[in-house]
Amino acid sequence: MTRRQQVLYLWMDGASLDDAVIAWAFHDGTAGAGPPPPGGPAHVEPPYVTGVGALEDGWMLMQSAQLIPPAPGHEHTNSYLEYEFVFERRVDVS
């Protein structure tokens, strides 16, 4: 058995893990040999409703969102999704 890492990015509607997931990305270091996230890797809907759901399913939180206020005058400028949380799990593959 070999251990490989899977990484799940969840972008929330706010700064809390209880907030709704609005976007997501899944990166599979097992090349498809490990378990997919709920709904499968090609699923259109987010695999979890909130970040807490990922924790409850065994994902480990690696990084939470940095709370950086927008520069004055740029409060309504479109940019990257602010509330990014990064999760990982390690799985055994043969």
Protein backbone atom coordinates (compact mmCIF):
# COMPACT_ATOMS: atom_id res chain seq x y z
CA MET A 1 0.00 0.00 0.00
CA THR A 2 1.07 3.55 -0.76
CA ARG A 3 -0.34 6.67 0.90
CA ARG A 4 -1.37 9.53 -1.37
CA GLN A 5 -2.84 12.95 -0.70
CA GLN A 6 -6.14 14.35 -1.91
CA VAL A 7 -6.79 18.09 -1.63
CA LEU A 8 -10.19 19.78 -1.53
CA TYR A 9 -10.63 23.55 -1.89
CA LEU A 10 -13.92 24.97 -0.65
CA TRP A 11 -14.84 28.63 -1.13
CA MET A 12 -17.50 29.80 1.31
CA ASP A 13 -20.07 32.54 1.21
CA GLY A 14 -18.43 34.00 4.34
CA ALA A 15 -15.50 33.60 6.72
CA SER A 16 -16.92 30.69 8.74
CA LEU A 17 -16.81 26.94 8.11
CA ASP A 18 -20.56 27.04 8.81
CA ASP A 19 -21.18 29.27 5.78
CA ALA A 20 -22.44 27.84 2.48
CA VAL A 21 -19.99 26.46 -0.08
CA ILE A 22 -20.19 28.51 -3.31
CA ALA A 23 -17.30 26.96 -5.29
CA TRP A 24 -14.95 24.01 -5.03
CA ALA A 25 -12.00 22.21 -6.59
CA PHE A 26 -10.67 18.68 -6.01
CA HIS A 27 -7.11 17.54 -6.71
CA ASP A 28 -6.40 13.83 -6.57
CA GLY A 29 -2.86 12.65 -5.90
CA THR A 30 -4.03 9.06 -6.32
CA ALA A 31 -4.62 9.44 -10.08
CA GLY A 32 -8.18 8.19 -9.57
CA ALA A 33 -7.26 5.15 -7.44
CA GLY A 34 -8.56 6.74 -4.22
CA PRO A 35 -12.10 7.59 -3.17
CA PRO A 36 -13.73 10.57 -4.91
CA PRO A 37 -15.42 13.36 -2.96
CA PRO A 38 -19.19 12.95 -2.42
CA GLY A 39 -20.94 13.21 -5.77
CA GLY A 40 -17.81 12.18 -7.68
CA PRO A 41 -14.97 14.37 -8.99
CA ALA A 42 -16.95 15.52 -12.04
CA HIS A 43 -20.08 16.38 -10.03
CA VAL A 44 -21.37 19.90 -10.70
CA GLU A 45 -22.68 20.63 -7.19
CA PRO A 46 -20.25 21.16 -4.30
CA PRO A 47 -19.49 17.93 -2.43
CA TYR A 48 -20.48 19.53 0.90
CA VAL A 49 -23.02 22.18 1.88
CA THR A 50 -20.61 23.68 4.44
CA GLY A 51 -16.99 23.24 5.44
CA VAL A 52 -18.14 21.56 8.64
CA GLY A 53 -19.54 18.76 6.47
CA ALA A 54 -16.04 18.10 5.13
CA LEU A 55 -14.64 17.94 8.67
CA GLU A 56 -17.39 15.53 9.69
CA ASP A 57 -16.49 13.33 6.71
CA GLY A 58 -12.86 13.07 7.82
CA TRP A 59 -11.16 15.81 5.80
CA MET A 60 -8.41 17.67 7.67
CA LEU A 61 -8.36 21.47 7.51
CA MET A 62 -4.95 22.66 6.27
CA GLN A 63 -5.61 26.35 5.74
CA SER A 64 -8.45 28.70 6.55
CA ALA A 65 -9.37 31.95 4.87
CA GLN A 66 -7.21 35.00 5.55
CA LEU A 67 -9.44 37.87 6.52
CA ILE A 68 -7.99 40.80 4.59
CA PRO A 69 -10.24 43.85 4.22
CA PRO A 70 -10.49 45.39 0.74
CA ALA A 71 -8.54 48.57 0.09
CA PRO A 72 -10.62 51.73 0.50
CA GLY A 73 -12.47 52.47 -2.71
CA HIS A 74 -12.27 48.84 -3.90
CA GLU A 75 -15.06 47.36 -1.79
CA HIS A 76 -17.10 46.48 -4.88
CA THR A 77 -14.28 45.45 -7.23
CA ASN A 78 -14.47 41.86 -8.48
CA SER A 79 -11.46 39.77 -7.64
CA TYR A 80 -10.64 36.27 -6.40
CA LEU A 81 -12.99 34.38 -4.08
CA GLU A 82 -12.00 35.51 -0.60
CA TYR A 83 -13.14 32.77 1.75
CA GLU A 84 -10.95 29.85 0.66
CA PHE A 85 -10.51 26.81 2.90
CA VAL A 86 -8.10 24.02 1.99
CA PHE A 87 -8.69 20.45 3.20
CA GLU A 88 -6.69 17.27 2.73
CA ARG A 89 -7.00 13.60 3.36
CA ARG A 90 -4.47 10.83 2.92
CA VAL A 91 -5.66 7.58 1.48
CA ASP A 92 -4.08 4.18 0.89
CA VAL A 93 -3.83 2.99 -2.70
CA SER A 94 -2.43 -0.25 -4.02
